[in-house]
Amino acid sequence: MAGDALGGFNLAEAAASSARFETAKACRIPVGKRLAIGRLRLSRGREVQLELEQRAVR
């Protein structure tokens, strides 16, 4: 797997079967809007699962 981060996000972790994008600043996405944070390039036939985690803003 390979990937690139976009728009103020970083590809904080990339392994053979997982990736984590993160940002240092708070980010709000209005209802119905989209925000591209990165791209992942996978080999064919891979299943994709997504987890979102909200961390406390300091």
Protein backbone atom coordinates (compact mmCIF):
# COMPACT_ATOMS: atom_id res chain seq x y z
CA MET A 1 0.00 0.00 0.00
CA ALA A 2 1.11 3.54 -0.68
CA GLY A 3 -0.53 6.86 0.11
CA ASP A 4 -0.40 10.65 0.08
CA ALA A 5 -1.89 13.18 2.50
CA LEU A 6 -3.73 16.32 1.34
CA GLY A 7 -4.96 19.63 2.74
CA GLY A 8 -3.14 19.94 6.06
CA PHE A 9 -3.35 16.24 6.95
CA ASN A 10 -0.39 13.91 7.42
CA LEU A 11 -0.12 10.23 6.63
CA ALA A 12 0.92 9.44 10.21
CA GLU A 13 1.14 5.69 9.81
CA ALA A 14 1.15 3.38 6.80
CA ALA A 15 1.63 -0.38 7.04
CA ALA A 16 0.84 -3.30 4.77
CA SER A 17 -2.77 -3.47 6.00
CA SER A 18 -3.51 -0.11 7.68
CA ALA A 19 -3.06 3.64 7.35
CA ARG A 20 -3.79 6.62 9.62
CA PHE A 21 -4.26 10.22 8.55
CA GLU A 22 -4.18 12.96 11.17
CA THR A 23 -4.08 16.73 11.49
CA ALA A 24 -2.69 18.96 14.23
CA LYS A 25 -5.59 21.43 14.11
CA ALA A 26 -9.32 20.98 14.64
CA CYS A 27 -11.31 20.35 11.49
CA ARG A 28 -15.08 20.69 11.00
CA ILE A 29 -16.86 19.29 7.99
CA PRO A 30 -20.34 20.76 7.38
CA VAL A 31 -23.19 18.29 6.92
CA GLY A 32 -23.37 17.10 3.33
CA LYS A 33 -19.88 18.32 2.43
CA ARG A 34 -16.82 16.25 1.52
CA LEU A 35 -13.19 16.73 2.50
CA ALA A 36 -10.38 14.90 0.72
CA ILE A 37 -7.67 14.16 3.30
CA GLY A 38 -5.55 11.75 1.30
CA ARG A 39 -5.24 8.98 -1.24
CA LEU A 40 -4.39 5.31 -0.78
CA ARG A 41 -3.16 3.03 -3.54
CA LEU A 42 -4.01 -0.60 -2.95
CA SER A 43 -3.50 -3.79 -4.88
CA ARG A 44 -6.63 -5.12 -6.57
CA GLY A 45 -9.22 -7.07 -4.66
CA ARG A 46 -8.69 -5.42 -1.26
CA GLU A 47 -11.53 -4.80 1.18
CA VAL A 48 -11.58 -1.31 2.73
CA GLN A 49 -12.85 -0.50 6.24
CA LEU A 50 -12.98 3.00 7.71
CA GLU A 51 -12.79 4.22 11.30
CA LEU A 52 -13.16 7.85 12.40
CA GLU A 53 -11.80 9.02 15.72
CA GLN A 54 -12.39 12.38 17.33
CA ARG A 55 -9.75 13.58 19.74
CA ALA A 56 -10.28 16.30 22.32
CA VAL A 57 -9.33 19.78 21.13
CA ARG A 58 -6.92 21.47 23.52
